[in-house]
């Protein structure tokens, strides 16, 4: 099994582009990224060539594991071993073990309620300096991608297609599923942003800049410029998602979480009184 730490410092002092799948990627000039070092998130490879790919859902996002998709052996994939083992066939797992690199994001017990992103990987100390094979992972794979870029040696990390919002009703640059786990899209996008925002000052401590690059000419009217670019390039203004594939969380799980939480609070207060 290959570990992600084997890749660290391969691109020391260079610019690395972390490519998301937000709607802005649909109108981003692909040739701009020629000869650039790129880390694609999830299905960013559908829109442009990428060098590295990172995901925690290999069954949903890696073309070798998706029906009717052409393999992309030129992509160096980084994913989580235990999730891969649980989600793919034995033959696919063997392929992953031989070709992919693996990271971890377990930093302790999850304290979040059902339906909320797990905070077990929300560990800023992993961002302050490379920490084995652990990468910060909270609300979005974009955060693990940024941590990976820093550990690869980036001086500047440039986000592309990491919109953290919808544009003109578009959640993504291409058609795909969503996974909101019952949350409102705006709430999820806010969490995506918050995770990246808390990485920025920590990366600055390492002398690394984190910025975002968009194809738009104004920050005031992004959706208007998005539609203008779609029209200029003959692209659809709206690509609908194919539905939410999140598993429904049973009500009893919510109840159990809050009961356990109440017990912990009572126990904590009892200890503090002693």
C-alpha atoms as a PDB file:
ATOM      1  CA  UNK A   1       0.000   0.000   0.000  1.00  0.00           C
ATOM      2  CA  UNK A   2       1.342   3.436  -0.976  1.00  0.00           C
ATOM      3  CA  UNK A   3       1.083   6.278   1.541  1.00  0.00           C
ATOM      4  CA  UNK A   4       0.426   9.903   0.641  1.00  0.00           C
ATOM      5  CA  UNK A   5       3.495  10.990   2.614  1.00  0.00           C
ATOM      6  CA  UNK A   6       5.616   9.446  -0.161  1.00  0.00           C
ATOM      7  CA  UNK A   7       4.510  12.370  -2.352  1.00  0.00           C
ATOM      8  CA  UNK A   8       5.470  15.172   0.030  1.00  0.00           C
ATOM      9  CA  UNK A   9       7.862  17.888  -1.211  1.00  0.00           C
ATOM     10  CA  UNK A  10       7.745  16.684  -4.822  1.00  0.00           C
ATOM     11  CA  UNK A  11       6.861  20.237  -5.921  1.00  0.00           C
ATOM     12  CA  UNK A  12       8.718  22.378  -3.408  1.00  0.00           C
ATOM     13  CA  UNK A  13       8.276  26.131  -3.892  1.00  0.00           C
ATOM     14  CA  UNK A  14       5.897  25.810  -6.860  1.00  0.00           C
ATOM     15  CA  UNK A  15       2.350  26.958  -7.601  1.00  0.00           C
ATOM     16  CA  UNK A  16      -0.256  24.223  -7.252  1.00  0.00           C
ATOM     17  CA  UNK A  17      -3.813  24.546  -8.530  1.00  0.00           C
ATOM     18  CA  UNK A  18      -6.616  22.809  -6.615  1.00  0.00           C
ATOM     19  CA  UNK A  19      -9.483  22.245  -9.040  1.00  0.00           C
ATOM     20  CA  UNK A  20     -13.025  21.927  -7.692  1.00  0.00           C
ATOM     21  CA  UNK A  21     -16.211  21.067  -9.546  1.00  0.00           C
ATOM     22  CA  UNK A  22     -18.171  24.264  -8.955  1.00  0.00           C
ATOM     23  CA  UNK A  23     -20.149  25.791 -11.804  1.00  0.00           C
ATOM     24  CA  UNK A  24     -17.426  28.339 -12.616  1.00  0.00           C
ATOM     25  CA  UNK A  25     -15.209  25.499 -13.823  1.00  0.00           C
ATOM     26  CA  UNK A  26     -17.560  25.067 -16.797  1.00  0.00           C
ATOM     27  CA  UNK A  27     -16.444  28.408 -18.223  1.00  0.00           C
ATOM     28  CA  UNK A  28     -12.819  28.389 -17.073  1.00  0.00           C
ATOM     29  CA  UNK A  29     -10.241  28.422 -19.917  1.00  0.00           C
ATOM     30  CA  UNK A  30      -8.763  24.922 -19.904  1.00  0.00           C
ATOM     31  CA  UNK A  31      -5.584  25.888 -21.770  1.00  0.00           C
ATOM     32  CA  UNK A  32      -4.621  28.175 -18.892  1.00  0.00           C
ATOM     33  CA  UNK A  33      -3.781  25.054 -16.898  1.00  0.00           C
ATOM     34  CA  UNK A  34      -1.437  23.527 -19.457  1.00  0.00           C
ATOM     35  CA  UNK A  35       1.858  22.546 -17.804  1.00  0.00           C
ATOM     36  CA  UNK A  36       0.472  23.512 -14.372  1.00  0.00           C
ATOM     37  CA  UNK A  37       0.547  21.247 -11.322  1.00  0.00           C
ATOM     38  CA  UNK A  38      -3.077  20.372 -10.628  1.00  0.00           C
ATOM     39  CA  UNK A  39      -4.996  18.504  -7.935  1.00  0.00           C
ATOM     40  CA  UNK A  40      -8.520  17.644  -9.073  1.00  0.00           C
ATOM     41  CA  UNK A  41     -11.286  17.160  -6.516  1.00  0.00           C
ATOM     42  CA  UNK A  42     -13.706  14.279  -7.076  1.00  0.00           C
ATOM     43  CA  UNK A  43     -14.855  14.486 -10.725  1.00  0.00           C
ATOM     44  CA  UNK A  44     -12.861  17.535 -11.826  1.00  0.00           C
ATOM     45  CA  UNK A  45     -11.301  15.261 -14.475  1.00  0.00           C
ATOM     46  CA  UNK A  46     -14.604  15.451 -16.366  1.00  0.00           C
ATOM     47  CA  UNK A  47     -13.864  19.062 -17.268  1.00  0.00           C
ATOM     48  CA  UNK A  48     -10.106  19.219 -17.746  1.00  0.00           C
ATOM     49  CA  UNK A  49      -6.910  17.171 -17.496  1.00  0.00           C
ATOM     50  CA  UNK A  50      -5.535  16.831 -13.967  1.00  0.00           C
ATOM     51  CA  UNK A  51      -2.290  15.454 -12.571  1.00  0.00           C
ATOM     52  CA  UNK A  52      -3.447  14.404  -9.100  1.00  0.00           C
ATOM     53  CA  UNK A  53      -6.936  13.452  -7.965  1.00  0.00           C
ATOM     54  CA  UNK A  54      -8.287  13.266  -4.426  1.00  0.00           C
ATOM     55  CA  UNK A  55     -11.583  11.843  -3.171  1.00  0.00           C
ATOM     56  CA  UNK A  56     -13.073   9.955  -0.245  1.00  0.00           C
ATOM     57  CA  UNK A  57     -15.640   8.281  -2.511  1.00  0.00           C
ATOM     58  CA  UNK A  58     -13.601   6.275  -5.032  1.00  0.00           C
ATOM     59  CA  UNK A  59     -16.691   4.320  -6.057  1.00  0.00           C
ATOM     60  CA  UNK A  60     -18.433   7.520  -7.176  1.00  0.00           C
ATOM     61  CA  UNK A  61     -15.565   9.623  -8.511  1.00  0.00           C
ATOM     62  CA  UNK A  62     -12.700   7.539  -9.895  1.00  0.00           C
ATOM     63  CA  UNK A  63     -13.363   6.711 -13.562  1.00  0.00           C
ATOM     64  CA  UNK A  64     -11.801   3.234 -13.316  1.00  0.00           C
ATOM     65  CA  UNK A  65     -14.554   2.327 -10.846  1.00  0.00           C
ATOM     66  CA  UNK A  66     -17.463   4.015 -12.654  1.00  0.00           C
ATOM     67  CA  UNK A  67     -19.631   2.283 -15.263  1.00  0.00           C
ATOM     68  CA  UNK A  68     -19.167   3.478 -18.856  1.00  0.00           C
ATOM     69  CA  UNK A  69     -16.205   5.745 -18.004  1.00  0.00           C
ATOM     70  CA  UNK A  70     -12.818   5.606 -19.705  1.00  0.00           C
ATOM     71  CA  UNK A  71      -9.906   4.871 -17.348  1.00  0.00           C
ATOM     72  CA  UNK A  72      -7.517   7.759 -16.717  1.00  0.00           C
ATOM     73  CA  UNK A  73      -4.208   6.086 -15.800  1.00  0.00           C
ATOM     74  CA  UNK A  74      -2.398   9.437 -16.060  1.00  0.00           C
ATOM     75  CA  UNK A  75      -4.083  10.611 -12.831  1.00  0.00           C
ATOM     76  CA  UNK A  76      -2.322   9.911  -9.533  1.00  0.00           C
ATOM     77  CA  UNK A  77      -5.185   9.214  -7.140  1.00  0.00           C
ATOM     78  CA  UNK A  78      -5.170   9.880  -3.401  1.00  0.00           C
ATOM     79  CA  UNK A  79      -7.986   8.424  -1.313  1.00  0.00           C
ATOM     80  CA  UNK A  80      -8.733   6.673   2.003  1.00  0.00           C
ATOM     81  CA  UNK A  81      -7.915   2.995   2.260  1.00  0.00           C
ATOM     82  CA  UNK A  82     -10.672   1.857   4.638  1.00  0.00           C
ATOM     83  CA  UNK A  83     -13.368   3.607   2.593  1.00  0.00           C
ATOM     84  CA  UNK A  84     -11.994   2.142  -0.612  1.00  0.00           C
ATOM     85  CA  UNK A  85     -11.978  -1.339   0.899  1.00  0.00           C
ATOM     86  CA  UNK A  86     -15.592  -0.919   2.028  1.00  0.00           C
ATOM     87  CA  UNK A  87     -16.940   0.546  -1.211  1.00  0.00           C
ATOM     88  CA  UNK A  88     -15.311  -1.284  -4.132  1.00  0.00           C
ATOM     89  CA  UNK A  89     -14.949  -4.865  -5.375  1.00  0.00           C
ATOM     90  CA  UNK A  90     -11.906  -7.023  -4.502  1.00  0.00           C
ATOM     91  CA  UNK A  91     -10.562  -6.531  -8.052  1.00  0.00           C
ATOM     92  CA  UNK A  92     -10.938  -2.772  -7.781  1.00  0.00           C
ATOM     93  CA  UNK A  93      -9.292  -2.779  -4.362  1.00  0.00           C
ATOM     94  CA  UNK A  94      -6.315  -4.654  -5.803  1.00  0.00           C
ATOM     95  CA  UNK A  95      -6.019  -1.998  -8.536  1.00  0.00           C
ATOM     96  CA  UNK A  96      -6.176   0.733  -5.889  1.00  0.00           C
ATOM     97  CA  UNK A  97      -3.512  -0.915  -3.738  1.00  0.00           C
ATOM     98  CA  UNK A  98      -1.177  -1.137  -6.708  1.00  0.00           C
ATOM     99  CA  UNK A  99      -1.770   2.349  -8.115  1.00  0.00           C
ATOM    100  CA  UNK A 100      -3.246   4.777  -5.587  1.00  0.00           C
ATOM    101  CA  UNK A 101      -1.871   6.634  -2.558  1.00  0.00           C
ATOM    102  CA  UNK A 102      -3.765   6.670   0.724  1.00  0.00           C
ATOM    103  CA  UNK A 103      -4.335   9.253   3.441  1.00  0.00           C
ATOM    104  CA  UNK A 104      -6.044   9.284   6.832  1.00  0.00           C
ATOM    105  CA  UNK A 105      -8.213  11.884   8.543  1.00  0.00           C
ATOM    106  CA  UNK A 106      -9.006  10.260  11.874  1.00  0.00           C
ATOM    107  CA  UNK A 107      -8.155  12.452  14.820  1.00  0.00           C
ATOM    108  CA  UNK A 108     -10.521  11.204  17.483  1.00  0.00           C
ATOM    109  CA  UNK A 109     -14.213  10.683  18.156  1.00  0.00           C
ATOM    110  CA  UNK A 110     -16.715  12.581  16.025  1.00  0.00           C
ATOM    111  CA  UNK A 111     -18.628  15.130  18.137  1.00  0.00           C
ATOM    112  CA  UNK A 112     -21.122  16.224  15.481  1.00  0.00           C
ATOM    113  CA  UNK A 113     -24.788  15.150  15.291  1.00  0.00           C
ATOM    114  CA  UNK A 114     -26.087  12.901  12.484  1.00  0.00           C
ATOM    115  CA  UNK A 115     -26.366  14.756   9.197  1.00  0.00           C
ATOM    116  CA  UNK A 116     -23.469  17.106   9.969  1.00  0.00           C
ATOM    117  CA  UNK A 117     -19.927  16.710   8.583  1.00  0.00           C
ATOM    118  CA  UNK A 118     -17.727  14.672  10.889  1.00  0.00           C
ATOM    119  CA  UNK A 119     -15.145  16.748  12.749  1.00  0.00           C
ATOM    120  CA  UNK A 120     -12.801  13.855  13.428  1.00  0.00           C
ATOM    121  CA  UNK A 121     -10.440  15.229  10.766  1.00  0.00           C
ATOM    122  CA  UNK A 122     -10.861  18.904  11.624  1.00  0.00           C
ATOM    123  CA  UNK A 123      -7.360  19.134  13.073  1.00  0.00           C
ATOM    124  CA  UNK A 124      -5.450  22.318  12.266  1.00  0.00           C
ATOM    125  CA  UNK A 125      -2.205  20.937  13.687  1.00  0.00           C
ATOM    126  CA  UNK A 126      -2.055  18.659  10.626  1.00  0.00           C
ATOM    127  CA  UNK A 127      -2.060  21.801   8.479  1.00  0.00           C
ATOM    128  CA  UNK A 128       0.653  23.554  10.483  1.00  0.00           C
ATOM    129  CA  UNK A 129       3.136  20.903   9.450  1.00  0.00           C
ATOM    130  CA  UNK A 130       3.028  17.567   7.603  1.00  0.00           C
ATOM    131  CA  UNK A 131       1.804  14.923  10.049  1.00  0.00           C
ATOM    132  CA  UNK A 132       2.403  11.493   8.592  1.00  0.00           C
ATOM    133  CA  UNK A 133      -0.391  10.534   6.230  1.00  0.00           C
ATOM    134  CA  UNK A 134      -3.053  12.658   7.919  1.00  0.00           C
ATOM    135  CA  UNK A 135      -4.807  15.428   5.997  1.00  0.00           C
ATOM    136  CA  UNK A 136      -7.315  17.952   7.348  1.00  0.00           C
ATOM    137  CA  UNK A 137     -10.795  16.882   6.278  1.00  0.00           C
ATOM    138  CA  UNK A 138     -13.994  18.429   7.553  1.00  0.00           C
ATOM    139  CA  UNK A 139     -16.845  19.637   5.350  1.00  0.00           C
ATOM    140  CA  UNK A 140     -15.351  19.305   1.854  1.00  0.00           C
ATOM    141  CA  UNK A 141     -12.672  17.368  -0.002  1.00  0.00           C
ATOM    142  CA  UNK A 142     -11.334  20.778  -1.053  1.00  0.00           C
ATOM    143  CA  UNK A 143      -9.788  21.130   2.403  1.00  0.00           C
ATOM    144  CA  UNK A 144      -7.892  17.842   2.115  1.00  0.00           C
ATOM    145  CA  UNK A 145      -6.809  18.907  -1.383  1.00  0.00           C
ATOM    146  CA  UNK A 146      -5.388  22.162  -0.034  1.00  0.00           C
ATOM    147  CA  UNK A 147      -3.577  20.350   2.800  1.00  0.00           C
ATOM    148  CA  UNK A 148      -2.164  17.930   0.209  1.00  0.00           C
ATOM    149  CA  UNK A 149      -0.955  20.826  -1.965  1.00  0.00           C
ATOM    150  CA  UNK A 150       0.830  22.363   1.020  1.00  0.00           C
ATOM    151  CA  UNK A 151       2.544  19.062   1.810  1.00  0.00           C
ATOM    152  CA  UNK A 152       3.560  18.616  -1.814  1.00  0.00           C
ATOM    153  CA  UNK A 153       5.587  21.771  -1.270  1.00  0.00           C
ATOM    154  CA  UNK A 154       3.395  24.535  -2.698  1.00  0.00           C
ATOM    155  CA  UNK A 155       4.349  28.170  -2.195  1.00  0.00           C
ATOM    156  CA  UNK A 156       1.044  29.363  -3.669  1.00  0.00           C
ATOM    157  CA  UNK A 157      -2.147  27.299  -3.643  1.00  0.00           C
ATOM    158  CA  UNK A 158      -4.658  28.572  -6.201  1.00  0.00           C
ATOM    159  CA  UNK A 159      -8.265  27.421  -6.007  1.00  0.00           C
ATOM    160  CA  UNK A 160     -10.235  27.059  -9.241  1.00  0.00           C
ATOM    161  CA  UNK A 161     -13.851  25.923  -9.352  1.00  0.00           C
ATOM    162  CA  UNK A 162     -14.110  25.927  -5.566  1.00  0.00           C
ATOM    163  CA  UNK A 163     -17.100  28.261  -5.672  1.00  0.00           C
ATOM    164  CA  UNK A 164     -18.660  27.402  -2.303  1.00  0.00           C
ATOM    165  CA  UNK A 165     -21.970  28.573  -3.709  1.00  0.00           C
ATOM    166  CA  UNK A 166     -24.408  27.846  -6.519  1.00  0.00           C
ATOM    167  CA  UNK A 167     -24.402  29.920  -9.726  1.00  0.00           C
ATOM    168  CA  UNK A 168     -27.677  30.430 -11.550  1.00  0.00           C
ATOM    169  CA  UNK A 169     -29.112  27.290  -9.973  1.00  0.00           C
ATOM    170  CA  UNK A 170     -26.024  25.242 -10.887  1.00  0.00           C
ATOM    171  CA  UNK A 171     -24.374  23.265  -8.107  1.00  0.00           C
ATOM    172  CA  UNK A 172     -21.666  21.760 -10.333  1.00  0.00           C
ATOM    173  CA  UNK A 173     -19.865  22.307 -13.617  1.00  0.00           C
ATOM    174  CA  UNK A 174     -21.334  19.085 -15.011  1.00  0.00           C
ATOM    175  CA  UNK A 175     -24.223  16.772 -14.306  1.00  0.00           C
ATOM    176  CA  UNK A 176     -23.820  14.641 -11.217  1.00  0.00           C
ATOM    177  CA  UNK A 177     -25.486  13.675  -7.942  1.00  0.00           C
ATOM    178  CA  UNK A 178     -25.509  15.742  -4.769  1.00  0.00           C
ATOM    179  CA  UNK A 179     -25.029  14.629  -1.168  1.00  0.00           C
ATOM    180  CA  UNK A 180     -26.573  17.152   1.213  1.00  0.00           C
ATOM    181  CA  UNK A 181     -27.655  14.634   3.904  1.00  0.00           C
ATOM    182  CA  UNK A 182     -30.832  16.610   4.481  1.00  0.00           C
ATOM    183  CA  UNK A 183     -29.139  20.018   4.783  1.00  0.00           C
ATOM    184  CA  UNK A 184     -29.945  23.110   2.767  1.00  0.00           C
ATOM    185  CA  UNK A 185     -27.407  23.657  -0.042  1.00  0.00           C
ATOM    186  CA  UNK A 186     -26.570  27.144   1.249  1.00  0.00           C
ATOM    187  CA  UNK A 187     -25.715  25.685   4.668  1.00  0.00           C
ATOM    188  CA  UNK A 188     -23.388  23.105   3.132  1.00  0.00           C
ATOM    189  CA  UNK A 189     -21.694  25.702   0.927  1.00  0.00           C
ATOM    190  CA  UNK A 190     -21.144  27.863   3.997  1.00  0.00           C
ATOM    191  CA  UNK A 191     -19.414  24.949   5.725  1.00  0.00           C
ATOM    192  CA  UNK A 192     -17.227  24.398   2.658  1.00  0.00           C
ATOM    193  CA  UNK A 193     -16.147  28.033   2.875  1.00  0.00           C
ATOM    194  CA  UNK A 194     -15.607  27.986   6.642  1.00  0.00           C
ATOM    195  CA  UNK A 195     -13.283  24.995   6.376  1.00  0.00           C
ATOM    196  CA  UNK A 196     -11.108  26.666   3.745  1.00  0.00           C
ATOM    197  CA  UNK A 197     -11.174  29.980   5.607  1.00  0.00           C
ATOM    198  CA  UNK A 198      -9.763  28.430   8.758  1.00  0.00           C
ATOM    199  CA  UNK A 199      -6.938  26.849   6.756  1.00  0.00           C
ATOM    200  CA  UNK A 200      -5.830  30.160   5.240  1.00  0.00           C
ATOM    201  CA  UNK A 201      -4.172  31.780   8.301  1.00  0.00           C
ATOM    202  CA  UNK A 202      -2.539  28.495   9.305  1.00  0.00           C
ATOM    203  CA  UNK A 203      -1.036  28.109   5.834  1.00  0.00           C
ATOM    204  CA  UNK A 204       0.171  31.697   6.046  1.00  0.00           C
ATOM    205  CA  UNK A 205       2.184  30.666   9.123  1.00  0.00           C
ATOM    206  CA  UNK A 206       3.991  28.225   6.809  1.00  0.00           C
ATOM    207  CA  UNK A 207       4.624  30.974   4.238  1.00  0.00           C
ATOM    208  CA  UNK A 208       1.987  29.542   1.894  1.00  0.00           C
ATOM    209  CA  UNK A 209      -0.598  31.718   0.134  1.00  0.00           C
ATOM    210  CA  UNK A 210      -4.137  30.431  -0.451  1.00  0.00           C
ATOM    211  CA  UNK A 211      -6.097  32.361  -3.077  1.00  0.00           C
ATOM    212  CA  UNK A 212      -9.002  31.789  -5.458  1.00  0.00           C
ATOM    213  CA  UNK A 213      -8.965  32.379  -9.215  1.00  0.00           C
ATOM    214  CA  UNK A 214     -12.128  32.803 -11.270  1.00  0.00           C
ATOM    215  CA  UNK A 215     -12.914  33.568 -14.934  1.00  0.00           C
ATOM    216  CA  UNK A 216     -15.238  36.428 -13.969  1.00  0.00           C
ATOM    217  CA  UNK A 217     -14.528  40.111 -14.595  1.00  0.00           C
ATOM    218  CA  UNK A 218     -16.470  41.450 -11.617  1.00  0.00           C
ATOM    219  CA  UNK A 219     -17.088  40.320  -8.074  1.00  0.00           C
ATOM    220  CA  UNK A 220     -20.400  42.169  -7.997  1.00  0.00           C
ATOM    221  CA  UNK A 221     -22.378  40.219 -10.595  1.00  0.00           C
ATOM    222  CA  UNK A 222     -20.936  36.722 -10.773  1.00  0.00           C
ATOM    223  CA  UNK A 223     -24.109  35.028 -12.008  1.00  0.00           C
ATOM    224  CA  UNK A 224     -24.560  37.559 -14.816  1.00  0.00           C
ATOM    225  CA  UNK A 225     -21.000  37.052 -16.006  1.00  0.00           C
ATOM    226  CA  UNK A 226     -21.406  33.291 -15.692  1.00  0.00           C
ATOM    227  CA  UNK A 227     -24.432  33.389 -18.013  1.00  0.00           C
ATOM    228  CA  UNK A 228     -22.574  35.740 -20.379  1.00  0.00           C
ATOM    229  CA  UNK A 229     -19.641  33.319 -20.627  1.00  0.00           C
ATOM    230  CA  UNK A 230     -21.973  30.366 -21.170  1.00  0.00           C
ATOM    231  CA  UNK A 231     -23.642  32.251 -24.019  1.00  0.00           C
ATOM    232  CA  UNK A 232     -20.320  33.295 -25.589  1.00  0.00           C
ATOM    233  CA  UNK A 233     -19.027  29.733 -25.539  1.00  0.00           C
ATOM    234  CA  UNK A 234     -22.255  27.995 -26.526  1.00  0.00           C
ATOM    235  CA  UNK A 235     -22.543  26.185 -23.207  1.00  0.00           C
ATOM    236  CA  UNK A 236     -25.740  25.431 -21.266  1.00  0.00           C
ATOM    237  CA  UNK A 237     -26.628  27.967 -18.609  1.00  0.00           C
ATOM    238  CA  UNK A 238     -28.182  25.334 -16.387  1.00  0.00           C
ATOM    239  CA  UNK A 239     -27.188  21.720 -15.831  1.00  0.00           C
ATOM    240  CA  UNK A 240     -29.502  20.073 -13.349  1.00  0.00           C
ATOM    241  CA  UNK A 241     -28.191  17.628 -10.778  1.00  0.00           C
ATOM    242  CA  UNK A 242     -29.412  14.041 -10.800  1.00  0.00           C
ATOM    243  CA  UNK A 243     -30.737  14.055  -7.233  1.00  0.00           C
ATOM    244  CA  UNK A 244     -29.525  13.561  -3.693  1.00  0.00           C
ATOM    245  CA  UNK A 245     -27.993  10.130  -3.135  1.00  0.00           C
ATOM    246  CA  UNK A 246     -27.505  10.622   0.606  1.00  0.00           C
ATOM    247  CA  UNK A 247     -28.704   7.843   2.823  1.00  0.00           C
ATOM    248  CA  UNK A 248     -31.633   8.827   4.994  1.00  0.00           C
ATOM    249  CA  UNK A 249     -30.701   9.062   8.638  1.00  0.00           C
ATOM    250  CA  UNK A 250     -33.174   7.233  10.914  1.00  0.00           C
ATOM    251  CA  UNK A 251     -34.863   9.398  13.519  1.00  0.00           C
ATOM    252  CA  UNK A 252     -33.611   7.085  16.264  1.00  0.00           C
ATOM    253  CA  UNK A 253     -30.011   8.064  15.408  1.00  0.00           C
ATOM    254  CA  UNK A 254     -30.814  11.703  16.048  1.00  0.00           C
ATOM    255  CA  UNK A 255     -32.507  10.774  19.333  1.00  0.00           C
ATOM    256  CA  UNK A 256     -29.570   8.608  20.418  1.00  0.00           C
ATOM    257  CA  UNK A 257     -27.105  11.388  19.644  1.00  0.00           C
ATOM    258  CA  UNK A 258     -28.926  13.961  21.773  1.00  0.00           C
ATOM    259  CA  UNK A 259     -29.503  11.501  24.633  1.00  0.00           C
ATOM    260  CA  UNK A 260     -25.784  10.628  24.645  1.00  0.00           C
ATOM    261  CA  UNK A 261     -24.895  14.299  24.493  1.00  0.00           C
ATOM    262  CA  UNK A 262     -27.126  15.072  27.485  1.00  0.00           C
ATOM    263  CA  UNK A 263     -25.496  12.245  29.453  1.00  0.00           C
ATOM    264  CA  UNK A 264     -22.034  13.603  28.661  1.00  0.00           C
ATOM    265  CA  UNK A 265     -23.023  17.108  29.801  1.00  0.00           C
ATOM    266  CA  UNK A 266     -24.471  15.779  33.063  1.00  0.00           C
ATOM    267  CA  UNK A 267     -21.330  13.717  33.672  1.00  0.00           C
ATOM    268  CA  UNK A 268     -19.070  16.699  32.918  1.00  0.00           C
ATOM    269  CA  UNK A 269     -20.970  18.969  35.301  1.00  0.00           C
ATOM    270  CA  UNK A 270     -20.909  16.326  38.035  1.00  0.00           C
ATOM    271  CA  UNK A 271     -17.128  15.973  37.718  1.00  0.00           C
ATOM    272  CA  UNK A 272     -16.608  19.754  37.740  1.00  0.00           C
ATOM    273  CA  UNK A 273     -18.601  20.074  40.993  1.00  0.00           C
ATOM    274  CA  UNK A 274     -16.386  17.479  42.639  1.00  0.00           C
END
